[in-house]
Amino acid sequence: MSGRLAEVGEHLATTRELGVVVGAMRGIAAARVQEARQHLDGVRAYAETLGTAIGEALALLPEPQRPTAGMGDHGHGLVLAFCAEQGFVGGFNERVLEAAQTCRGTAQLWLLGERGELGALERGLQADWTAPMAVHLDEVPALAGRLVEALYAGLGTGAAQRVTLVHAQPGRTEVLARPLLPFDYSRFAVSRRAQAPHITLAPQQLIAGLADEYLYAELCEALMLSFAAENEARMQAMVAAQGNVEQRRGELLAEFRRVRQDEITEEIIELSASRL
């Protein structure tokens, strides 16, 4: 009996330690979700300021010379999907990959996140380009900059002319898929103020520069939304895991008490028999 009691005791101690780890992972994920939500306000305010500037810059050109949405639905396509770099996220990657596969067609598939790449291979999808997803929020600005460079390089070589962005959103089960490039200028209200702003660049150059900055802001926002959604999924997975750990711990504790009681009963019987 003593051997069985020691074995159950070891399992109980391991379960207790696992519960501590799961609780810590849940706390870290919750903190990262909160951090991402706080940073989103700043990114959106930056994008709003850029949108206003684009509207004022567009007003500097006669209407026939203003840029439009570009090539529309024509040309080669590219789907850029944001998945998870690390595990314990439940069905997060599956939802993103399903949305990416739905809108992909014959387009190239670009993936962020090692776990997403593994999930794509399980689905029989071969990504044309991959990169690590940000695992800390302070990595987002640099990653967004690298994505802008990579996308414009693809556009420059003619490998892609249309880019669709696919990413998850915190608090929602549906995955967002929306056009990213060519840049759609029609969504910005052209300024109607009487006095034009003083500029030192040609209007076309100014508009192009502002569009590049807005694209960067869009990618920052999408990365933060995906980061928050990923950690939200991890937090939910840890809640479920913690429930399972507590249930298993209760079962082991009951078994430990039962084995201990059996051992005590056996010892009493042996002592009674020896006295007789």
C-alpha atoms as a PDB file:
ATOM      1  CA  MET A   1       0.000   0.000   0.000  1.00  0.00           C
ATOM      2  CA  SER A   2       2.790   2.456   0.841  1.00  0.00           C
ATOM      3  CA  GLY A   3       4.049   2.347  -2.747  1.00  0.00           C
ATOM      4  CA  ARG A   4       0.628   3.218  -4.139  1.00  0.00           C
ATOM      5  CA  LEU A   5       0.228   5.990  -1.557  1.00  0.00           C
ATOM      6  CA  ALA A   6       3.579   7.526  -2.567  1.00  0.00           C
ATOM      7  CA  GLU A   7       2.637   7.327  -6.251  1.00  0.00           C
ATOM      8  CA  VAL A   8      -0.688   9.103  -5.706  1.00  0.00           C
ATOM      9  CA  GLY A   9       1.072  11.699  -3.534  1.00  0.00           C
ATOM     10  CA  GLU A  10       3.580  12.427  -6.310  1.00  0.00           C
ATOM     11  CA  HIS A  11       0.778  12.825  -8.857  1.00  0.00           C
ATOM     12  CA  LEU A  12      -1.042  15.153  -6.480  1.00  0.00           C
ATOM     13  CA  ALA A  13       2.071  17.311  -6.018  1.00  0.00           C
ATOM     14  CA  THR A  14       2.629  17.434  -9.787  1.00  0.00           C
ATOM     15  CA  THR A  15      -0.965  18.477 -10.347  1.00  0.00           C
ATOM     16  CA  ARG A  16      -0.588  21.237  -7.777  1.00  0.00           C
ATOM     17  CA  GLU A  17       2.540  22.539  -9.545  1.00  0.00           C
ATOM     18  CA  LEU A  18       0.787  22.349 -12.913  1.00  0.00           C
ATOM     19  CA  GLY A  19      -2.049  24.416 -11.513  1.00  0.00           C
ATOM     20  CA  VAL A  20       0.425  27.106 -10.477  1.00  0.00           C
ATOM     21  CA  VAL A  21       1.936  27.167 -13.994  1.00  0.00           C
ATOM     22  CA  VAL A  22      -1.465  27.320 -15.675  1.00  0.00           C
ATOM     23  CA  GLY A  23      -2.526  30.139 -13.365  1.00  0.00           C
ATOM     24  CA  ALA A  24       0.638  32.089 -14.167  1.00  0.00           C
ATOM     25  CA  MET A  25       0.115  31.642 -17.930  1.00  0.00           C
ATOM     26  CA  ARG A  26      -3.453  32.822 -17.560  1.00  0.00           C
ATOM     27  CA  GLY A  27      -2.320  35.916 -15.671  1.00  0.00           C
ATOM     28  CA  ILE A  28       0.359  36.762 -18.254  1.00  0.00           C
ATOM     29  CA  ALA A  29      -2.125  36.377 -21.130  1.00  0.00           C
ATOM     30  CA  ALA A  30      -4.662  38.600 -19.370  1.00  0.00           C
ATOM     31  CA  ALA A  31      -2.018  41.289 -18.769  1.00  0.00           C
ATOM     32  CA  ARG A  32      -0.997  41.223 -22.436  1.00  0.00           C
ATOM     33  CA  VAL A  33      -4.600  41.604 -23.585  1.00  0.00           C
ATOM     34  CA  GLN A  34      -5.003  44.641 -21.358  1.00  0.00           C
ATOM     35  CA  GLU A  35      -1.701  46.111 -22.556  1.00  0.00           C
ATOM     36  CA  ALA A  36      -2.696  45.715 -26.205  1.00  0.00           C
ATOM     37  CA  ARG A  37      -6.079  47.379 -25.619  1.00  0.00           C
ATOM     38  CA  GLN A  38      -4.357  50.374 -24.029  1.00  0.00           C
ATOM     39  CA  HIS A  39      -1.936  50.796 -26.942  1.00  0.00           C
ATOM     40  CA  LEU A  40      -4.702  50.485 -29.537  1.00  0.00           C
ATOM     41  CA  ASP A  41      -6.116  53.888 -28.606  1.00  0.00           C
ATOM     42  CA  GLY A  42      -2.816  55.563 -29.438  1.00  0.00           C
ATOM     43  CA  VAL A  43      -2.439  53.766 -32.777  1.00  0.00           C
ATOM     44  CA  ARG A  44      -5.987  54.642 -33.786  1.00  0.00           C
ATOM     45  CA  ALA A  45      -5.527  58.277 -32.842  1.00  0.00           C
ATOM     46  CA  TYR A  46      -2.365  58.340 -34.978  1.00  0.00           C
ATOM     47  CA  ALA A  47      -4.229  56.790 -37.928  1.00  0.00           C
ATOM     48  CA  GLU A  48      -7.080  59.281 -37.528  1.00  0.00           C
ATOM     49  CA  THR A  49      -4.629  62.191 -37.640  1.00  0.00           C
ATOM     50  CA  LEU A  50      -3.036  60.768 -40.779  1.00  0.00           C
ATOM     51  CA  GLY A  51      -6.474  60.321 -42.364  1.00  0.00           C
ATOM     52  CA  THR A  52      -7.264  63.986 -41.761  1.00  0.00           C
ATOM     53  CA  ALA A  53      -3.895  64.971 -43.257  1.00  0.00           C
ATOM     54  CA  ILE A  54      -4.560  62.829 -46.348  1.00  0.00           C
ATOM     55  CA  GLY A  55      -7.926  64.549 -46.802  1.00  0.00           C
ATOM     56  CA  GLU A  56      -6.268  67.964 -46.663  1.00  0.00           C
ATOM     57  CA  ALA A  57      -3.501  66.872 -49.056  1.00  0.00           C
ATOM     58  CA  LEU A  58      -6.026  65.515 -51.552  1.00  0.00           C
ATOM     59  CA  ALA A  59      -7.716  68.923 -51.599  1.00  0.00           C
ATOM     60  CA  LEU A  60      -4.490  70.413 -52.983  1.00  0.00           C
ATOM     61  CA  LEU A  61      -5.014  68.574 -56.283  1.00  0.00           C
ATOM     62  CA  PRO A  62      -7.756  69.120 -58.856  1.00  0.00           C
ATOM     63  CA  GLU A  63     -10.300  66.319 -58.666  1.00  0.00           C
ATOM     64  CA  PRO A  64      -9.222  64.603 -61.933  1.00  0.00           C
ATOM     65  CA  GLN A  65      -5.638  64.336 -60.630  1.00  0.00           C
ATOM     66  CA  ARG A  66      -6.511  62.833 -57.269  1.00  0.00           C
ATOM     67  CA  PRO A  67      -5.406  59.198 -56.769  1.00  0.00           C
ATOM     68  CA  THR A  68      -8.124  56.566 -56.501  1.00  0.00           C
ATOM     69  CA  ALA A  69      -8.251  53.001 -55.249  1.00  0.00           C
ATOM     70  CA  GLY A  70      -5.799  51.876 -57.931  1.00  0.00           C
ATOM     71  CA  MET A  71      -6.137  48.533 -59.669  1.00  0.00           C
ATOM     72  CA  GLY A  72      -9.222  47.286 -57.830  1.00  0.00           C
ATOM     73  CA  ASP A  73      -9.845  43.579 -58.301  1.00  0.00           C
ATOM     74  CA  HIS A  74      -7.390  43.097 -61.176  1.00  0.00           C
ATOM     75  CA  GLY A  75      -3.893  41.652 -61.008  1.00  0.00           C
ATOM     76  CA  HIS A  76      -2.156  39.066 -58.866  1.00  0.00           C
ATOM     77  CA  GLY A  77      -3.400  38.624 -55.316  1.00  0.00           C
ATOM     78  CA  LEU A  78      -1.745  38.082 -51.957  1.00  0.00           C
ATOM     79  CA  VAL A  79      -3.350  37.065 -48.655  1.00  0.00           C
ATOM     80  CA  LEU A  80      -1.514  38.147 -45.494  1.00  0.00           C
ATOM     81  CA  ALA A  81      -2.707  36.195 -42.428  1.00  0.00           C
ATOM     82  CA  PHE A  82      -1.712  36.772 -38.802  1.00  0.00           C
ATOM     83  CA  CYS A  83      -1.507  33.557 -36.748  1.00  0.00           C
ATOM     84  CA  ALA A  84       0.038  32.664 -33.380  1.00  0.00           C
ATOM     85  CA  GLU A  85       3.744  32.250 -32.751  1.00  0.00           C
ATOM     86  CA  GLN A  86       3.241  30.187 -29.582  1.00  0.00           C
ATOM     87  CA  GLY A  87       0.802  27.459 -28.562  1.00  0.00           C
ATOM     88  CA  PHE A  88      -2.041  26.961 -26.085  1.00  0.00           C
ATOM     89  CA  VAL A  89      -4.488  29.110 -28.107  1.00  0.00           C
ATOM     90  CA  GLY A  90      -7.288  26.607 -28.757  1.00  0.00           C
ATOM     91  CA  GLY A  91      -8.804  26.976 -32.232  1.00  0.00           C
ATOM     92  CA  PHE A  92      -7.317  30.438 -32.856  1.00  0.00           C
ATOM     93  CA  ASN A  93      -5.053  29.429 -35.762  1.00  0.00           C
ATOM     94  CA  GLU A  94      -7.707  27.205 -37.335  1.00  0.00           C
ATOM     95  CA  ARG A  95     -10.166  30.099 -37.568  1.00  0.00           C
ATOM     96  CA  VAL A  96      -7.583  32.417 -39.138  1.00  0.00           C
ATOM     97  CA  LEU A  97      -6.410  29.799 -41.633  1.00  0.00           C
ATOM     98  CA  GLU A  98      -9.968  28.934 -42.621  1.00  0.00           C
ATOM     99  CA  ALA A  99     -10.703  32.584 -43.352  1.00  0.00           C
ATOM    100  CA  ALA A 100      -7.442  32.937 -45.288  1.00  0.00           C
ATOM    101  CA  GLN A 101      -8.174  29.831 -47.325  1.00  0.00           C
ATOM    102  CA  THR A 102     -11.694  31.067 -48.113  1.00  0.00           C
ATOM    103  CA  CYS A 103     -10.534  34.354 -49.632  1.00  0.00           C
ATOM    104  CA  ARG A 104      -7.246  33.072 -51.081  1.00  0.00           C
ATOM    105  CA  GLY A 105      -8.278  31.563 -54.404  1.00  0.00           C
ATOM    106  CA  THR A 106      -5.120  31.583 -56.542  1.00  0.00           C
ATOM    107  CA  ALA A 107      -3.420  34.286 -54.483  1.00  0.00           C
ATOM    108  CA  GLN A 108      -0.129  33.909 -52.667  1.00  0.00           C
ATOM    109  CA  LEU A 109      -0.326  33.070 -48.975  1.00  0.00           C
ATOM    110  CA  TRP A 110       1.839  34.997 -46.507  1.00  0.00           C
ATOM    111  CA  LEU A 111       1.761  33.867 -42.889  1.00  0.00           C
ATOM    112  CA  LEU A 112       2.934  35.288 -39.593  1.00  0.00           C
ATOM    113  CA  GLY A 113       3.406  32.851 -36.711  1.00  0.00           C
ATOM    114  CA  GLU A 114       5.161  29.494 -36.457  1.00  0.00           C
ATOM    115  CA  ARG A 115       2.071  27.745 -35.090  1.00  0.00           C
ATOM    116  CA  GLY A 116       0.059  29.074 -38.003  1.00  0.00           C
ATOM    117  CA  GLU A 117       2.612  27.716 -40.452  1.00  0.00           C
ATOM    118  CA  LEU A 118       2.385  24.262 -38.849  1.00  0.00           C
ATOM    119  CA  GLY A 119      -1.402  24.434 -38.978  1.00  0.00           C
ATOM    120  CA  ALA A 120      -1.282  25.404 -42.652  1.00  0.00           C
ATOM    121  CA  LEU A 121       0.883  22.374 -43.453  1.00  0.00           C
ATOM    122  CA  GLU A 122      -1.626  20.135 -41.676  1.00  0.00           C
ATOM    123  CA  ARG A 123      -4.286  21.578 -43.976  1.00  0.00           C
ATOM    124  CA  GLY A 124      -2.114  20.960 -47.032  1.00  0.00           C
ATOM    125  CA  LEU A 125      -1.437  24.690 -47.484  1.00  0.00           C
ATOM    126  CA  GLN A 126       2.060  25.776 -48.466  1.00  0.00           C
ATOM    127  CA  ALA A 127       2.822  29.369 -47.491  1.00  0.00           C
ATOM    128  CA  ASP A 128       4.730  31.448 -50.051  1.00  0.00           C
ATOM    129  CA  TRP A 129       6.286  33.611 -47.330  1.00  0.00           C
ATOM    130  CA  THR A 130       6.511  33.297 -43.549  1.00  0.00           C
ATOM    131  CA  ALA A 131       7.825  35.334 -40.626  1.00  0.00           C
ATOM    132  CA  PRO A 132       7.585  35.149 -36.821  1.00  0.00           C
ATOM    133  CA  MET A 133       4.629  36.828 -35.147  1.00  0.00           C
ATOM    134  CA  ALA A 134       5.298  39.298 -32.333  1.00  0.00           C
ATOM    135  CA  VAL A 135       5.299  37.621 -28.908  1.00  0.00           C
ATOM    136  CA  HIS A 136       5.751  40.915 -27.031  1.00  0.00           C
ATOM    137  CA  LEU A 137       3.911  44.138 -27.752  1.00  0.00           C
ATOM    138  CA  ASP A 138       7.107  46.186 -28.098  1.00  0.00           C
ATOM    139  CA  GLU A 139       7.999  44.055 -31.148  1.00  0.00           C
ATOM    140  CA  VAL A 140       4.945  45.257 -33.091  1.00  0.00           C
ATOM    141  CA  PRO A 141       6.332  48.564 -34.522  1.00  0.00           C
ATOM    142  CA  ALA A 142       9.431  46.908 -35.994  1.00  0.00           C
ATOM    143  CA  LEU A 143       7.393  44.009 -37.370  1.00  0.00           C
ATOM    144  CA  ALA A 144       4.938  46.411 -39.027  1.00  0.00           C
ATOM    145  CA  GLY A 145       7.869  48.221 -40.645  1.00  0.00           C
ATOM    146  CA  ARG A 146       9.263  44.958 -42.031  1.00  0.00           C
ATOM    147  CA  LEU A 147       5.854  44.027 -43.395  1.00  0.00           C
ATOM    148  CA  VAL A 148       5.515  47.357 -45.212  1.00  0.00           C
ATOM    149  CA  GLU A 149       8.920  46.846 -46.833  1.00  0.00           C
ATOM    150  CA  ALA A 150       8.125  43.255 -47.822  1.00  0.00           C
ATOM    151  CA  LEU A 151       4.735  44.183 -49.273  1.00  0.00           C
ATOM    152  CA  TYR A 152       6.087  47.049 -51.344  1.00  0.00           C
ATOM    153  CA  ALA A 153       8.918  44.802 -52.549  1.00  0.00           C
ATOM    154  CA  GLY A 154       6.309  42.279 -53.712  1.00  0.00           C
ATOM    155  CA  LEU A 155       4.326  44.998 -55.430  1.00  0.00           C
ATOM    156  CA  GLY A 156       7.469  46.336 -57.077  1.00  0.00           C
ATOM    157  CA  THR A 157       8.391  42.975 -58.605  1.00  0.00           C
ATOM    158  CA  GLY A 158       4.845  42.375 -59.815  1.00  0.00           C
ATOM    159  CA  ALA A 159       4.508  39.277 -57.643  1.00  0.00           C
ATOM    160  CA  ALA A 160       1.368  40.782 -56.095  1.00  0.00           C
ATOM    161  CA  GLN A 161      -0.882  43.721 -56.912  1.00  0.00           C
ATOM    162  CA  ARG A 162      -3.725  43.162 -54.444  1.00  0.00           C
ATOM    163  CA  VAL A 163      -3.228  42.439 -50.742  1.00  0.00           C
ATOM    164  CA  THR A 164      -5.934  41.099 -48.428  1.00  0.00           C
ATOM    165  CA  LEU A 165      -5.313  41.273 -44.695  1.00  0.00           C
ATOM    166  CA  VAL A 166      -6.685  38.471 -42.475  1.00  0.00           C
ATOM    167  CA  HIS A 167      -6.548  38.634 -38.694  1.00  0.00           C
ATOM    168  CA  ALA A 168      -8.537  37.828 -35.555  1.00  0.00           C
ATOM    169  CA  GLN A 169     -10.153  40.386 -33.268  1.00  0.00           C
ATOM    170  CA  PRO A 170     -10.410  40.340 -29.468  1.00  0.00           C
ATOM    171  CA  GLY A 171     -13.876  39.691 -28.120  1.00  0.00           C
ATOM    172  CA  ARG A 172     -15.135  38.288 -31.437  1.00  0.00           C
ATOM    173  CA  THR A 173     -15.153  34.805 -32.912  1.00  0.00           C
ATOM    174  CA  GLU A 174     -15.276  35.960 -36.546  1.00  0.00           C
ATOM    175  CA  VAL A 175     -12.010  36.671 -38.329  1.00  0.00           C
ATOM    176  CA  LEU A 176     -11.663  39.945 -40.249  1.00  0.00           C
ATOM    177  CA  ALA A 177     -10.611  39.801 -43.913  1.00  0.00           C
ATOM    178  CA  ARG A 178     -10.296  43.160 -45.681  1.00  0.00           C
ATOM    179  CA  PRO A 179      -8.395  44.718 -48.598  1.00  0.00           C
ATOM    180  CA  LEU A 180      -5.147  46.416 -47.642  1.00  0.00           C
ATOM    181  CA  LEU A 181      -3.569  47.290 -51.006  1.00  0.00           C
ATOM    182  CA  PRO A 182      -3.889  48.994 -53.421  1.00  0.00           C
ATOM    183  CA  PHE A 183      -4.399  51.935 -51.127  1.00  0.00           C
ATOM    184  CA  ASP A 184      -7.999  53.207 -51.205  1.00  0.00           C
ATOM    185  CA  TYR A 185      -8.000  57.014 -51.076  1.00  0.00           C
ATOM    186  CA  SER A 186     -11.775  57.217 -51.495  1.00  0.00           C
ATOM    187  CA  ARG A 187     -12.355  56.454 -47.791  1.00  0.00           C
ATOM    188  CA  PHE A 188     -10.919  59.840 -46.749  1.00  0.00           C
ATOM    189  CA  ALA A 189     -13.078  62.938 -46.795  1.00  0.00           C
ATOM    190  CA  VAL A 190     -11.464  65.641 -48.903  1.00  0.00           C
ATOM    191  CA  SER A 191     -10.950  68.809 -46.872  1.00  0.00           C
ATOM    192  CA  ARG A 192     -13.204  71.759 -47.736  1.00  0.00           C
ATOM    193  CA  ARG A 193     -11.506  74.474 -45.735  1.00  0.00           C
ATOM    194  CA  ALA A 194     -10.981  77.749 -47.568  1.00  0.00           C
ATOM    195  CA  GLN A 195      -7.282  78.214 -46.839  1.00  0.00           C
ATOM    196  CA  ALA A 196      -4.953  75.451 -47.955  1.00  0.00           C
ATOM    197  CA  PRO A 197      -2.127  74.412 -45.610  1.00  0.00           C
ATOM    198  CA  HIS A 198       1.424  75.512 -46.346  1.00  0.00           C
ATOM    199  CA  ILE A 199       3.471  72.619 -47.716  1.00  0.00           C
ATOM    200  CA  THR A 200       7.109  72.160 -48.752  1.00  0.00           C
ATOM    201  CA  LEU A 201       6.573  69.034 -50.878  1.00  0.00           C
ATOM    202  CA  ALA A 202       4.764  68.467 -54.151  1.00  0.00           C
ATOM    203  CA  PRO A 203       1.162  67.384 -53.376  1.00  0.00           C
ATOM    204  CA  GLN A 204       1.627  63.985 -55.064  1.00  0.00           C
ATOM    205  CA  GLN A 205       4.762  63.295 -53.023  1.00  0.00           C
ATOM    206  CA  LEU A 206       3.085  64.416 -49.814  1.00  0.00           C
ATOM    207  CA  ILE A 207       0.041  62.197 -50.447  1.00  0.00           C
ATOM    208  CA  ALA A 208       2.215  59.175 -51.200  1.00  0.00           C
ATOM    209  CA  GLY A 209       4.227  59.696 -48.014  1.00  0.00           C
ATOM    210  CA  LEU A 210       1.089  60.050 -45.901  1.00  0.00           C
ATOM    211  CA  ALA A 211      -0.361  56.899 -47.500  1.00  0.00           C
ATOM    212  CA  ASP A 212       2.790  54.965 -46.539  1.00  0.00           C
ATOM    213  CA  GLU A 213       2.457  56.160 -42.941  1.00  0.00           C
ATOM    214  CA  TYR A 214      -1.231  55.258 -42.874  1.00  0.00           C
ATOM    215  CA  LEU A 215      -0.460  51.770 -44.188  1.00  0.00           C
ATOM    216  CA  TYR A 216       2.090  51.369 -41.388  1.00  0.00           C
ATOM    217  CA  ALA A 217      -0.521  52.463 -38.839  1.00  0.00           C
ATOM    218  CA  GLU A 218      -3.041  49.997 -40.283  1.00  0.00           C
ATOM    219  CA  LEU A 219      -0.582  47.130 -39.911  1.00  0.00           C
ATOM    220  CA  CYS A 220       0.273  48.196 -36.356  1.00  0.00           C
ATOM    221  CA  GLU A 221      -3.418  48.184 -35.473  1.00  0.00           C
ATOM    222  CA  ALA A 222      -3.998  44.779 -37.103  1.00  0.00           C
ATOM    223  CA  LEU A 223      -0.966  43.292 -35.337  1.00  0.00           C
ATOM    224  CA  MET A 224      -2.147  44.610 -31.970  1.00  0.00           C
ATOM    225  CA  LEU A 225      -5.663  43.299 -32.547  1.00  0.00           C
ATOM    226  CA  SER A 226      -4.282  39.896 -33.481  1.00  0.00           C
ATOM    227  CA  PHE A 227      -1.901  39.976 -30.495  1.00  0.00           C
ATOM    228  CA  ALA A 228      -4.790  40.755 -28.148  1.00  0.00           C
ATOM    229  CA  ALA A 229      -7.033  38.090 -29.726  1.00  0.00           C
ATOM    230  CA  GLU A 230      -4.266  35.483 -29.508  1.00  0.00           C
ATOM    231  CA  ASN A 231      -3.684  36.145 -25.811  1.00  0.00           C
ATOM    232  CA  GLU A 232      -7.421  36.242 -25.199  1.00  0.00           C
ATOM    233  CA  ALA A 233      -7.656  32.775 -26.756  1.00  0.00           C
ATOM    234  CA  ARG A 234      -4.720  31.617 -24.613  1.00  0.00           C
ATOM    235  CA  MET A 235      -6.393  33.021 -21.503  1.00  0.00           C
ATOM    236  CA  GLN A 236      -9.589  31.102 -22.303  1.00  0.00           C
ATOM    237  CA  ALA A 237      -7.588  27.929 -22.927  1.00  0.00           C
ATOM    238  CA  MET A 238      -5.883  28.338 -19.558  1.00  0.00           C
ATOM    239  CA  VAL A 239      -9.245  28.844 -17.831  1.00  0.00           C
ATOM    240  CA  ALA A 240     -10.413  25.530 -19.289  1.00  0.00           C
ATOM    241  CA  ALA A 241      -7.100  23.873 -18.380  1.00  0.00           C
ATOM    242  CA  GLN A 242      -7.305  25.210 -14.834  1.00  0.00           C
ATOM    243  CA  GLY A 243     -10.764  23.698 -14.457  1.00  0.00           C
ATOM    244  CA  ASN A 244      -9.476  20.336 -15.661  1.00  0.00           C
ATOM    245  CA  VAL A 245      -6.498  20.543 -13.313  1.00  0.00           C
ATOM    246  CA  GLU A 246      -8.743  21.314 -10.340  1.00  0.00           C
ATOM    247  CA  GLN A 247     -11.011  18.410 -11.248  1.00  0.00           C
ATOM    248  CA  ARG A 248      -8.048  16.041 -11.545  1.00  0.00           C
ATOM    249  CA  ARG A 249      -6.612  17.327  -8.301  1.00  0.00           C
ATOM    250  CA  GLY A 250      -9.911  16.631  -6.534  1.00  0.00           C
ATOM    251  CA  GLU A 251      -9.949  13.088  -7.915  1.00  0.00           C
ATOM    252  CA  LEU A 252      -6.356  12.464  -6.814  1.00  0.00           C
ATOM    253  CA  LEU A 253      -7.014  13.934  -3.371  1.00  0.00           C
ATOM    254  CA  ALA A 254      -9.990  11.614  -2.917  1.00  0.00           C
ATOM    255  CA  GLU A 255      -7.903   8.659  -4.062  1.00  0.00           C
ATOM    256  CA  PHE A 256      -5.057   9.671  -1.747  1.00  0.00           C
ATOM    257  CA  ARG A 257      -7.416   9.723   1.231  1.00  0.00           C
ATOM    258  CA  ARG A 258      -8.933   6.392   0.240  1.00  0.00           C
ATOM    259  CA  VAL A 259      -5.526   4.721  -0.164  1.00  0.00           C
ATOM    260  CA  ARG A 260      -4.351   6.235   3.106  1.00  0.00           C
ATOM    261  CA  GLN A 261      -7.462   4.963   4.888  1.00  0.00           C
ATOM    262  CA  ASP A 262      -6.946   1.482   3.420  1.00  0.00           C
ATOM    263  CA  GLU A 263      -3.352   1.545   4.622  1.00  0.00           C
ATOM    264  CA  ILE A 264      -4.380   2.564   8.140  1.00  0.00           C
ATOM    265  CA  THR A 265      -7.059  -0.162   8.191  1.00  0.00           C
ATOM    266  CA  GLU A 266      -4.516  -2.769   7.096  1.00  0.00           C
ATOM    267  CA  GLU A 267      -2.059  -1.675   9.780  1.00  0.00           C
ATOM    268  CA  ILE A 268      -4.765  -1.940  12.475  1.00  0.00           C
ATOM    269  CA  ILE A 269      -5.698  -5.437  11.262  1.00  0.00           C
ATOM    270  CA  GLU A 270      -2.037  -6.517  11.316  1.00  0.00           C
ATOM    271  CA  LEU A 271      -1.545  -5.125  14.843  1.00  0.00           C
ATOM    272  CA  SER A 272      -4.705  -6.801  16.085  1.00  0.00           C
ATOM    273  CA  ALA A 273      -3.683 -10.142  14.596  1.00  0.00           C
ATOM    274  CA  SER A 274      -0.220  -9.967  16.140  1.00  0.00           C
ATOM    275  CA  ARG A 275      -1.689  -9.358  19.631  1.00  0.00           C
ATOM    276  CA  LEU A 276      -3.942 -12.362  19.247  1.00  0.00           C
END
